[in-house]
Every structure is written in C-alpha cells, then in structure tokens.
Amino acid sequence: TMSQTLLDEGLIDSLTTIELITKLEEQFNINIDTDDLNHHNFN
C-alpha cells in the first residue's frame, strides 16, 4: 500500500532500494542525490 513501511517491514532491502533508485531516475528523468538516500525517504 501507499503508506506501508517498506524498510521497517523488510519489504525492501538495500539492493532493492538501489534498483528502485535506478528505475526512478530513468522513469522520471531525475537525479537522486546521495543526500536524499535516507531511511525516511524510502520507507
């Protein structure tokens, strides 16, 4: 669901997060900075 805690519930891990970031950058033509890589932003 939209509000489900992905990291806290173990639904995504660090490798999945990296794959997701790559797909997001490609899909939306954006750049996610290292400063953006935190638990809150991807939970």
ModelCIF file with pLDDT and N, C-alpha, C, O atoms, coordinates in Angstrom:
data_MODEL
#
_entry.id   MODEL 
#
_entity.id                         1 
_entity.type                       polymer 
_entity.pdbx_number_of_molecules   1 
#
_entity_poly.entity_id                      1 
_entity_poly.type                           'polypeptide(L)' 
_entity_poly.nstd_linkage                   no 
_entity_poly.nstd_monomer                   no 
_entity_poly.pdbx_seq_one_letter_code       TMSQTLLDEGLIDSLTTIELITKLEEQFNINIDTDDLNHHNFN 
_entity_poly.pdbx_seq_one_letter_code_can   TMSQTLLDEGLIDSLTTIELITKLEEQFNINIDTDDLNHHNFN 
_entity_poly.pdbx_strand_id                 A 
#
loop_
_entity_poly_seq.entity_id 
_entity_poly_seq.num 
_entity_poly_seq.mon_id 
_entity_poly_seq.hetero 
1 1  THR n 
1 2  MET n 
1 3  SER n 
1 4  GLN n 
1 5  THR n 
1 6  LEU n 
1 7  LEU n 
1 8  ASP n 
1 9  GLU n 
1 10 GLY n 
1 11 LEU n 
1 12 ILE n 
1 13 ASP n 
1 14 SER n 
1 15 LEU n 
1 16 THR n 
1 17 THR n 
1 18 ILE n 
1 19 GLU n 
1 20 LEU n 
1 21 ILE n 
1 22 THR n 
1 23 LYS n 
1 24 LEU n 
1 25 GLU n 
1 26 GLU n 
1 27 GLN n 
1 28 PHE n 
1 29 ASN n 
1 30 ILE n 
1 31 ASN n 
1 32 ILE n 
1 33 ASP n 
1 34 THR n 
1 35 ASP n 
1 36 ASP n 
1 37 LEU n 
1 38 ASN n 
1 39 HIS n 
1 40 HIS n 
1 41 ASN n 
1 42 PHE n 
1 43 ASN n 
#
_struct_asym.id          A 
_struct_asym.entity_id   1 
#
loop_
_ma_qa_metric.id 
_ma_qa_metric.mode 
_ma_qa_metric.name 
_ma_qa_metric.software_group_id 
_ma_qa_metric.type 
1 global pLDDT . pLDDT 
2 local  pLDDT . pLDDT 
#
_ma_qa_metric_global.metric_id      1 
_ma_qa_metric_global.metric_value   96.30 
_ma_qa_metric_global.model_id       1 
_ma_qa_metric_global.ordinal_id     1 
#
loop_
_ma_qa_metric_local.label_asym_id 
_ma_qa_metric_local.label_comp_id 
_ma_qa_metric_local.label_seq_id 
_ma_qa_metric_local.metric_id 
_ma_qa_metric_local.metric_value 
_ma_qa_metric_local.model_id 
_ma_qa_metric_local.ordinal_id 
A THR 1  2 96.00 1 1  
A MET 2  2 95.00 1 2  
A SER 3  2 95.00 1 3  
A GLN 4  2 96.00 1 4  
A THR 5  2 97.00 1 5  
A LEU 6  2 97.00 1 6  
A LEU 7  2 97.00 1 7  
A ASP 8  2 97.00 1 8  
A GLU 9  2 97.00 1 9  
A GLY 10 2 96.00 1 10 
A LEU 11 2 96.00 1 11 
A ILE 12 2 97.00 1 12 
A ASP 13 2 95.00 1 13 
A SER 14 2 93.00 1 14 
A LEU 15 2 95.00 1 15 
A THR 16 2 96.00 1 16 
A THR 17 2 96.00 1 17 
A ILE 18 2 96.00 1 18 
A GLU 19 2 97.00 1 19 
A LEU 20 2 97.00 1 20 
A ILE 21 2 97.00 1 21 
A THR 22 2 97.00 1 22 
A LYS 23 2 97.00 1 23 
A LEU 24 2 97.00 1 24 
A GLU 25 2 97.00 1 25 
A GLU 26 2 97.00 1 26 
A GLN 27 2 96.00 1 27 
A PHE 28 2 96.00 1 28 
A ASN 29 2 96.00 1 29 
A ILE 30 2 96.00 1 30 
A ASN 31 2 96.00 1 31 
A ILE 32 2 97.00 1 32 
A ASP 33 2 96.00 1 33 
A THR 34 2 95.00 1 34 
A ASP 35 2 96.00 1 35 
A ASP 36 2 97.00 1 36 
A LEU 37 2 96.00 1 37 
A ASN 38 2 97.00 1 38 
A HIS 39 2 96.00 1 39 
A HIS 40 2 97.00 1 40 
A ASN 41 2 97.00 1 41 
A PHE 42 2 97.00 1 42 
A ASN 43 2 97.00 1 43 
#
loop_
_atom_site.group_PDB 
_atom_site.id 
_atom_site.type_symbol 
_atom_site.label_atom_id 
_atom_site.label_alt_id 
_atom_site.label_comp_id 
_atom_site.label_asym_id 
_atom_site.label_entity_id 
_atom_site.label_seq_id 
_atom_site.pdbx_PDB_ins_code 
_atom_site.Cartn_x 
_atom_site.Cartn_y 
_atom_site.Cartn_z 
_atom_site.occupancy 
_atom_site.B_iso_or_equiv 
_atom_site.pdbx_formal_charge 
_atom_site.auth_seq_id 
_atom_site.auth_comp_id 
_atom_site.auth_asym_id 
_atom_site.auth_atom_id 
_atom_site.pdbx_PDB_model_num 
ATOM 1   N N  . THR A 1 1  ? 0.840  -1.195 0.000   1.00 96.00 ? 1  THR A N  1 
ATOM 2   C CA . THR A 1 1  ? 0.000  0.000  0.000   1.00 96.00 ? 1  THR A CA 1 
ATOM 3   C C  . THR A 1 1  ? 0.880  1.252  0.000   1.00 96.00 ? 1  THR A C  1 
ATOM 4   O O  . THR A 1 1  ? 2.095  1.178  0.182   1.00 96.00 ? 1  THR A O  1 
ATOM 5   N N  . MET A 1 2  ? 0.242  2.389  -0.206  1.00 95.00 ? 2  MET A N  1 
ATOM 6   C CA . MET A 1 2  ? 0.957  3.664  -0.271  1.00 95.00 ? 2  MET A CA 1 
ATOM 7   C C  . MET A 1 2  ? 1.686  3.994  1.038   1.00 95.00 ? 2  MET A C  1 
ATOM 8   O O  . MET A 1 2  ? 2.807  4.503  1.015   1.00 95.00 ? 2  MET A O  1 
ATOM 9   N N  . SER A 1 3  ? 1.059  3.707  2.161   1.00 95.00 ? 3  SER A N  1 
ATOM 10  C CA . SER A 1 3  ? 1.632  4.128  3.444   1.00 95.00 ? 3  SER A CA 1 
ATOM 11  C C  . SER A 1 3  ? 2.383  3.023  4.175   1.00 95.00 ? 3  SER A C  1 
ATOM 12  O O  . SER A 1 3  ? 2.902  3.250  5.267   1.00 95.00 ? 3  SER A O  1 
ATOM 13  N N  . GLN A 1 4  ? 2.447  1.853  3.601   1.00 96.00 ? 4  GLN A N  1 
ATOM 14  C CA . GLN A 1 4  ? 3.137  0.737  4.242   1.00 96.00 ? 4  GLN A CA 1 
ATOM 15  C C  . GLN A 1 4  ? 4.624  1.049  4.420   1.00 96.00 ? 4  GLN A C  1 
ATOM 16  O O  . GLN A 1 4  ? 5.250  1.629  3.533   1.00 96.00 ? 4  GLN A O  1 
ATOM 17  N N  . THR A 1 5  ? 5.183  0.666  5.558   1.00 97.00 ? 5  THR A N  1 
ATOM 18  C CA . THR A 1 5  ? 6.594  0.946  5.838   1.00 97.00 ? 5  THR A CA 1 
ATOM 19  C C  . THR A 1 5  ? 7.465  -0.140 5.204   1.00 97.00 ? 5  THR A C  1 
ATOM 20  O O  . THR A 1 5  ? 7.617  -1.236 5.743   1.00 97.00 ? 5  THR A O  1 
ATOM 21  N N  . LEU A 1 6  ? 8.017  0.192  4.071   1.00 97.00 ? 6  LEU A N  1 
ATOM 22  C CA . LEU A 1 6  ? 8.747  -0.763 3.240   1.00 97.00 ? 6  LEU A CA 1 
ATOM 23  C C  . LEU A 1 6  ? 10.027 -1.268 3.886   1.00 97.00 ? 6  LEU A C  1 
ATOM 24  O O  . LEU A 1 6  ? 10.284 -2.472 3.906   1.00 97.00 ? 6  LEU A O  1 
ATOM 25  N N  . LEU A 1 7  ? 10.823 -0.362 4.408   1.00 97.00 ? 7  LEU A N  1 
ATOM 26  C CA . LEU A 1 7  ? 12.093 -0.750 5.033   1.00 97.00 ? 7  LEU A CA 1 
ATOM 27  C C  . LEU A 1 7  ? 11.864 -1.374 6.403   1.00 97.00 ? 7  LEU A C  1 
ATOM 28  O O  . LEU A 1 7  ? 12.458 -2.400 6.734   1.00 97.00 ? 7  LEU A O  1 
ATOM 29  N N  . ASP A 1 8  ? 11.000 -0.750 7.194   1.00 97.00 ? 8  ASP A N  1 
ATOM 30  C CA . ASP A 1 8  ? 10.749 -1.249 8.555   1.00 97.00 ? 8  ASP A CA 1 
ATOM 31  C C  . ASP A 1 8  ? 10.170 -2.663 8.544   1.00 97.00 ? 8  ASP A C  1 
ATOM 32  O O  . ASP A 1 8  ? 10.461 -3.467 9.429   1.00 97.00 ? 8  ASP A O  1 
ATOM 33  N N  . GLU A 1 9  ? 9.350  -2.959 7.537   1.00 97.00 ? 9  GLU A N  1 
ATOM 34  C CA . GLU A 1 9  ? 8.724  -4.281 7.447   1.00 97.00 ? 9  GLU A CA 1 
ATOM 35  C C  . GLU A 1 9  ? 9.571  -5.278 6.654   1.00 97.00 ? 9  GLU A C  1 
ATOM 36  O O  . GLU A 1 9  ? 9.177  -6.432 6.485   1.00 97.00 ? 9  GLU A O  1 
ATOM 37  N N  . GLY A 1 10 ? 10.732 -4.836 6.168   1.00 96.00 ? 10 GLY A N  1 
ATOM 38  C CA . GLY A 1 10 ? 11.618 -5.730 5.436   1.00 96.00 ? 10 GLY A CA 1 
ATOM 39  C C  . GLY A 1 10 ? 11.132 -6.056 4.029   1.00 96.00 ? 10 GLY A C  1 
ATOM 40  O O  . GLY A 1 10 ? 11.554 -7.050 3.437   1.00 96.00 ? 10 GLY A O  1 
ATOM 41  N N  . LEU A 1 11 ? 10.256 -5.230 3.501   1.00 96.00 ? 11 LEU A N  1 
ATOM 42  C CA . LEU A 1 11 ? 9.738  -5.469 2.151   1.00 96.00 ? 11 LEU A CA 1 
ATOM 43  C C  . LEU A 1 11 ? 10.751 -5.095 1.078   1.00 96.00 ? 11 LEU A C  1 
ATOM 44  O O  . LEU A 1 11 ? 10.767 -5.679 -0.006  1.00 96.00 ? 11 LEU A O  1 
ATOM 45  N N  . ILE A 1 12 ? 11.595 -4.119 1.389   1.00 97.00 ? 12 ILE A N  1 
ATOM 46  C CA . ILE A 1 12 ? 12.717 -3.793 0.508   1.00 97.00 ? 12 ILE A CA 1 
ATOM 47  C C  . ILE A 1 12 ? 13.984 -3.740 1.354   1.00 97.00 ? 12 ILE A C  1 
ATOM 48  O O  . ILE A 1 12 ? 13.950 -3.411 2.540   1.00 97.00 ? 12 ILE A O  1 
ATOM 49  N N  . ASP A 1 13 ? 15.097 -4.070 0.715   1.00 95.00 ? 13 ASP A N  1 
ATOM 50  C CA . ASP A 1 13 ? 16.394 -4.013 1.383   1.00 95.00 ? 13 ASP A CA 1 
ATOM 51  C C  . ASP A 1 13 ? 17.282 -3.051 0.604   1.00 95.00 ? 13 ASP A C  1 
ATOM 52  O O  . ASP A 1 13 ? 16.815 -2.364 -0.304  1.00 95.00 ? 13 ASP A O  1 
ATOM 53  N N  . SER A 1 14 ? 18.544 -3.005 0.957   1.00 93.00 ? 14 SER A N  1 
ATOM 54  C CA . SER A 1 14 ? 19.447 -2.031 0.324   1.00 93.00 ? 14 SER A CA 1 
ATOM 55  C C  . SER A 1 14 ? 19.598 -2.282 -1.177  1.00 93.00 ? 14 SER A C  1 
ATOM 56  O O  . SER A 1 14 ? 19.638 -1.331 -1.957  1.00 93.00 ? 14 SER A O  1 
ATOM 57  N N  . LEU A 1 15 ? 19.681 -3.533 -1.585  1.00 95.00 ? 15 LEU A N  1 
ATOM 58  C CA . LEU A 1 15 ? 19.817 -3.838 -3.009  1.00 95.00 ? 15 LEU A CA 1 
ATOM 59  C C  . LEU A 1 15 ? 18.561 -3.448 -3.779  1.00 95.00 ? 15 LEU A C  1 
ATOM 60  O O  . LEU A 1 15 ? 18.649 -2.875 -4.866  1.00 95.00 ? 15 LEU A O  1 
ATOM 61  N N  . THR A 1 16 ? 17.405 -3.753 -3.225  1.00 96.00 ? 16 THR A N  1 
ATOM 62  C CA . THR A 1 16 ? 16.144 -3.375 -3.863  1.00 96.00 ? 16 THR A CA 1 
ATOM 63  C C  . THR A 1 16 ? 16.021 -1.857 -3.939  1.00 96.00 ? 16 THR A C  1 
ATOM 64  O O  . THR A 1 16 ? 15.511 -1.322 -4.923  1.00 96.00 ? 16 THR A O  1 
ATOM 65  N N  . THR A 1 17 ? 16.483 -1.170 -2.911  1.00 96.00 ? 17 THR A N  1 
ATOM 66  C CA . THR A 1 17 ? 16.430 0.294  -2.900  1.00 96.00 ? 17 THR A CA 1 
ATOM 67  C C  . THR A 1 17 ? 17.287 0.860  -4.027  1.00 96.00 ? 17 THR A C  1 
ATOM 68  O O  . THR A 1 17 ? 16.875 1.810  -4.694  1.00 96.00 ? 17 THR A O  1 
ATOM 69  N N  . ILE A 1 18 ? 18.455 0.302  -4.247  1.00 96.00 ? 18 ILE A N  1 
ATOM 70  C CA . ILE A 1 18 ? 19.325 0.761  -5.339  1.00 96.00 ? 18 ILE A CA 1 
ATOM 71  C C  . ILE A 1 18 ? 18.663 0.510  -6.695  1.00 96.00 ? 18 ILE A C  1 
ATOM 72  O O  . ILE A 1 18 ? 18.707 1.366  -7.579  1.00 96.00 ? 18 ILE A O  1 
ATOM 73  N N  . GLU A 1 19 ? 18.053 -0.661 -6.854  1.00 97.00 ? 19 GLU A N  1 
ATOM 74  C CA . GLU A 1 19 ? 17.324 -0.953 -8.094  1.00 97.00 ? 19 GLU A CA 1 
ATOM 75  C C  . GLU A 1 19 ? 16.187 0.036  -8.288  1.00 97.00 ? 19 GLU A C  1 
ATOM 76  O O  . GLU A 1 19 ? 15.961 0.516  -9.399  1.00 97.00 ? 19 GLU A O  1 
ATOM 77  N N  . LEU A 1 20 ? 15.472 0.341  -7.214  1.00 97.00 ? 20 LEU A N  1 
ATOM 78  C CA . LEU A 1 20 ? 14.367 1.284  -7.278  1.00 97.00 ? 20 LEU A CA 1 
ATOM 79  C C  . LEU A 1 20 ? 14.851 2.679  -7.666  1.00 97.00 ? 20 LEU A C  1 
ATOM 80  O O  . LEU A 1 20 ? 14.233 3.344  -8.497  1.00 97.00 ? 20 LEU A O  1 
ATOM 81  N N  . ILE A 1 21 ? 15.942 3.115  -7.074  1.00 97.00 ? 21 ILE A N  1 
ATOM 82  C CA . ILE A 1 21 ? 16.504 4.433  -7.396  1.00 97.00 ? 21 ILE A CA 1 
ATOM 83  C C  . ILE A 1 21 ? 16.845 4.512  -8.884  1.00 97.00 ? 21 ILE A C  1 
ATOM 84  O O  . ILE A 1 21 ? 16.530 5.503  -9.542  1.00 97.00 ? 21 ILE A O  1 
ATOM 85  N N  . THR A 1 22 ? 17.480 3.483  -9.406  1.00 97.00 ? 22 THR A N  1 
ATOM 86  C CA . THR A 1 22 ? 17.830 3.448  -10.828 1.00 97.00 ? 22 THR A CA 1 
ATOM 87  C C  . THR A 1 22 ? 16.587 3.564  -11.693 1.00 97.00 ? 22 THR A C  1 
ATOM 88  O O  . THR A 1 22 ? 16.567 4.332  -12.654 1.00 97.00 ? 22 THR A O  1 
ATOM 89  N N  . LYS A 1 23 ? 15.551 2.807  -11.357 1.00 97.00 ? 23 LYS A N  1 
ATOM 90  C CA . LYS A 1 23 ? 14.311 2.838  -12.136 1.00 97.00 ? 23 LYS A CA 1 
ATOM 91  C C  . LYS A 1 23 ? 13.614 4.201  -12.017 1.00 97.00 ? 23 LYS A C  1 
ATOM 92  O O  . LYS A 1 23 ? 13.075 4.708  -13.001 1.00 97.00 ? 23 LYS A O  1 
ATOM 93  N N  . LEU A 1 24 ? 13.625 4.785  -10.826 1.00 97.00 ? 24 LEU A N  1 
ATOM 94  C CA . LEU A 1 24 ? 13.015 6.100  -10.641 1.00 97.00 ? 24 LEU A CA 1 
ATOM 95  C C  . LEU A 1 24 ? 13.738 7.164  -11.466 1.00 97.00 ? 24 LEU A C  1 
ATOM 96  O O  . LEU A 1 24 ? 13.103 8.002  -12.106 1.00 97.00 ? 24 LEU A O  1 
ATOM 97  N N  . GLU A 1 25 ? 15.064 7.122  -11.443 1.00 97.00 ? 25 GLU A N  1 
ATOM 98  C CA . GLU A 1 25 ? 15.843 8.101  -12.203 1.00 97.00 ? 25 GLU A CA 1 
ATOM 99  C C  . GLU A 1 25 ? 15.567 7.967  -13.699 1.00 97.00 ? 25 GLU A C  1 
ATOM 100 O O  . GLU A 1 25 ? 15.459 8.971  -14.404 1.00 97.00 ? 25 GLU A O  1 
ATOM 101 N N  . GLU A 1 26 ? 15.454 6.734  -14.180 1.00 97.00 ? 26 GLU A N  1 
ATOM 102 C CA . GLU A 1 26 ? 15.172 6.513  -15.597 1.00 97.00 ? 26 GLU A CA 1 
ATOM 103 C C  . GLU A 1 26 ? 13.748 6.921  -15.951 1.00 97.00 ? 26 GLU A C  1 
ATOM 104 O O  . GLU A 1 26 ? 13.524 7.621  -16.938 1.00 97.00 ? 26 GLU A O  1 
ATOM 105 N N  . GLN A 1 27 ? 12.792 6.483  -15.147 1.00 96.00 ? 27 GLN A N  1 
ATOM 106 C CA . GLN A 1 27 ? 11.367 6.715  -15.424 1.00 96.00 ? 27 GLN A CA 1 
ATOM 107 C C  . GLN A 1 27 ? 11.011 8.201  -15.411 1.00 96.00 ? 27 GLN A C  1 
ATOM 108 O O  . GLN A 1 27 ? 10.274 8.679  -16.274 1.00 96.00 ? 27 GLN A O  1 
ATOM 109 N N  . PHE A 1 28 ? 11.541 8.925  -14.423 1.00 96.00 ? 28 PHE A N  1 
ATOM 110 C CA . PHE A 1 28 ? 11.155 10.316 -14.228 1.00 96.00 ? 28 PHE A CA 1 
ATOM 111 C C  . PHE A 1 28 ? 12.210 11.309 -14.712 1.00 96.00 ? 28 PHE A C  1 
ATOM 112 O O  . PHE A 1 28 ? 12.025 12.522 -14.607 1.00 96.00 ? 28 PHE A O  1 
ATOM 113 N N  . ASN A 1 29 ? 13.319 10.787 -15.242 1.00 96.00 ? 29 ASN A N  1 
ATOM 114 C CA . ASN A 1 29 ? 14.408 11.638 -15.728 1.00 96.00 ? 29 ASN A CA 1 
ATOM 115 C C  . ASN A 1 29 ? 14.858 12.625 -14.646 1.00 96.00 ? 29 ASN A C  1 
ATOM 116 O O  . ASN A 1 29 ? 14.928 13.834 -14.863 1.00 96.00 ? 29 ASN A O  1 
ATOM 117 N N  . ILE A 1 30 ? 15.159 12.063 -13.479 1.00 96.00 ? 30 ILE A N  1 
ATOM 118 C CA . ILE A 1 30 ? 15.606 12.860 -12.335 1.00 96.00 ? 30 ILE A CA 1 
ATOM 119 C C  . ILE A 1 30 ? 16.943 12.310 -11.841 1.00 96.00 ? 30 ILE A C  1 
ATOM 120 O O  . ILE A 1 30 ? 17.392 11.248 -12.272 1.00 96.00 ? 30 ILE A O  1 
ATOM 121 N N  . ASN A 1 31 ? 17.566 13.051 -10.933 1.00 96.00 ? 31 ASN A N  1 
ATOM 122 C CA . ASN A 1 31 ? 18.795 12.598 -10.294 1.00 96.00 ? 31 ASN A CA 1 
ATOM 123 C C  . ASN A 1 31 ? 18.563 12.606 -8.783  1.00 96.00 ? 31 ASN A C  1 
ATOM 124 O O  . ASN A 1 31 ? 18.290 13.651 -8.192  1.00 96.00 ? 31 ASN A O  1 
ATOM 125 N N  . ILE A 1 32 ? 18.673 11.440 -8.177  1.00 97.00 ? 32 ILE A N  1 
ATOM 126 C CA . ILE A 1 32 ? 18.532 11.339 -6.727  1.00 97.00 ? 32 ILE A CA 1 
ATOM 127 C C  . ILE A 1 32 ? 19.933 11.412 -6.128  1.00 97.00 ? 32 ILE A C  1 
ATOM 128 O O  . ILE A 1 32 ? 20.780 10.554 -6.375  1.00 97.00 ? 32 ILE A O  1 
ATOM 129 N N  . ASP A 1 33 ? 20.152 12.445 -5.345  1.00 96.00 ? 33 ASP A N  1 
ATOM 130 C CA . ASP A 1 33 ? 21.469 12.708 -4.758  1.00 96.00 ? 33 ASP A CA 1 
ATOM 131 C C  . ASP A 1 33 ? 21.728 11.814 -3.549  1.00 96.00 ? 33 ASP A C  1 
ATOM 132 O O  . ASP A 1 33 ? 20.800 11.275 -2.946  1.00 96.00 ? 33 ASP A O  1 
ATOM 133 N N  . THR A 1 34 ? 23.002 11.669 -3.209  1.00 95.00 ? 34 THR A N  1 
ATOM 134 C CA . THR A 1 34 ? 23.355 10.863 -2.035  1.00 95.00 ? 34 THR A CA 1 
ATOM 135 C C  . THR A 1 34 ? 22.753 11.459 -0.763  1.00 95.00 ? 34 THR A C  1 
ATOM 136 O O  . THR A 1 34 ? 22.462 10.725 0.182   1.00 95.00 ? 34 THR A O  1 
ATOM 137 N N  . ASP A 1 35 ? 22.566 12.767 -0.728  1.00 96.00 ? 35 ASP A N  1 
ATOM 138 C CA . ASP A 1 35 ? 21.934 13.407 0.430   1.00 96.00 ? 35 ASP A CA 1 
ATOM 139 C C  . ASP A 1 35 ? 20.494 12.940 0.614   1.00 96.00 ? 35 ASP A C  1 
ATOM 140 O O  . ASP A 1 35 ? 19.953 13.009 1.717   1.00 96.00 ? 35 ASP A O  1 
ATOM 141 N N  . ASP A 1 36 ? 19.873 12.466 -0.467  1.00 97.00 ? 36 ASP A N  1 
ATOM 142 C CA . ASP A 1 36 ? 18.482 12.016 -0.426  1.00 97.00 ? 36 ASP A CA 1 
ATOM 143 C C  . ASP A 1 36 ? 18.350 10.569 0.040   1.00 97.00 ? 36 ASP A C  1 
ATOM 144 O O  . ASP A 1 36 ? 17.247 10.095 0.311   1.00 97.00 ? 36 ASP A O  1 
ATOM 145 N N  . LEU A 1 37 ? 19.475 9.875  0.132   1.00 96.00 ? 37 LEU A N  1 
ATOM 146 C CA . LEU A 1 37 ? 19.449 8.455  0.475   1.00 96.00 ? 37 LEU A CA 1 
ATOM 147 C C  . LEU A 1 37 ? 19.374 8.281  1.984   1.00 96.00 ? 37 LEU A C  1 
ATOM 148 O O  . LEU A 1 37 ? 20.391 8.119  2.658   1.00 96.00 ? 37 LEU A O  1 
ATOM 149 N N  . ASN A 1 38 ? 18.165 8.316  2.494   1.00 97.00 ? 38 ASN A N  1 
ATOM 150 C CA . ASN A 1 38 ? 17.968 8.086  3.921   1.00 97.00 ? 38 ASN A CA 1 
ATOM 151 C C  . ASN A 1 38 ? 16.731 7.229  4.150   1.00 97.00 ? 38 ASN A C  1 
ATOM 152 O O  . ASN A 1 38 ? 15.894 7.058  3.264   1.00 97.00 ? 38 ASN A O  1 
ATOM 153 N N  . HIS A 1 39 ? 16.643 6.710  5.331   1.00 96.00 ? 39 HIS A N  1 
ATOM 154 C CA . HIS A 1 39 ? 15.579 5.788  5.706   1.00 96.00 ? 39 HIS A CA 1 
ATOM 155 C C  . HIS A 1 39 ? 14.189 6.396  5.463   1.00 96.00 ? 39 HIS A C  1 
ATOM 156 O O  . HIS A 1 39 ? 13.306 5.742  4.909   1.00 96.00 ? 39 HIS A O  1 
ATOM 157 N N  . HIS A 1 40 ? 14.012 7.623  5.875   1.00 97.00 ? 40 HIS A N  1 
ATOM 158 C CA . HIS A 1 40 ? 12.708 8.287  5.753   1.00 97.00 ? 40 HIS A CA 1 
ATOM 159 C C  . HIS A 1 40 ? 12.240 8.359  4.297   1.00 97.00 ? 40 HIS A C  1 
ATOM 160 O O  . HIS A 1 40 ? 11.094 8.023  3.998   1.00 97.00 ? 40 HIS A O  1 
ATOM 161 N N  . ASN A 1 41 ? 13.112 8.790  3.401   1.00 97.00 ? 41 ASN A N  1 
ATOM 162 C CA . ASN A 1 41 ? 12.716 8.998  2.001   1.00 97.00 ? 41 ASN A CA 1 
ATOM 163 C C  . ASN A 1 41 ? 12.286 7.716  1.297   1.00 97.00 ? 41 ASN A C  1 
ATOM 164 O O  . ASN A 1 41 ? 11.517 7.774  0.338   1.00 97.00 ? 41 ASN A O  1 
ATOM 165 N N  . PHE A 1 42 ? 12.764 6.567  1.750   1.00 97.00 ? 42 PHE A N  1 
ATOM 166 C CA . PHE A 1 42 ? 12.471 5.311  1.057   1.00 97.00 ? 42 PHE A CA 1 
ATOM 167 C C  . PHE A 1 42 ? 11.670 4.317  1.903   1.00 97.00 ? 42 PHE A C  1 
ATOM 168 O O  . PHE A 1 42 ? 11.602 3.135  1.566   1.00 97.00 ? 42 PHE A O  1 
ATOM 169 N N  . ASN A 1 43 ? 11.071 4.783  2.987   1.00 97.00 ? 43 ASN A N  1 
ATOM 170 C CA . ASN A 1 43 ? 10.351 3.870  3.864   1.00 97.00 ? 43 ASN A CA 1 
ATOM 171 C C  . ASN A 1 43 ? 8.895  3.642  3.446   1.00 97.00 ? 43 ASN A C  1 
ATOM 172 O O  . ASN A 1 43 ? 8.174  2.891  4.104   1.00 97.00 ? 43 ASN A O  1 
#
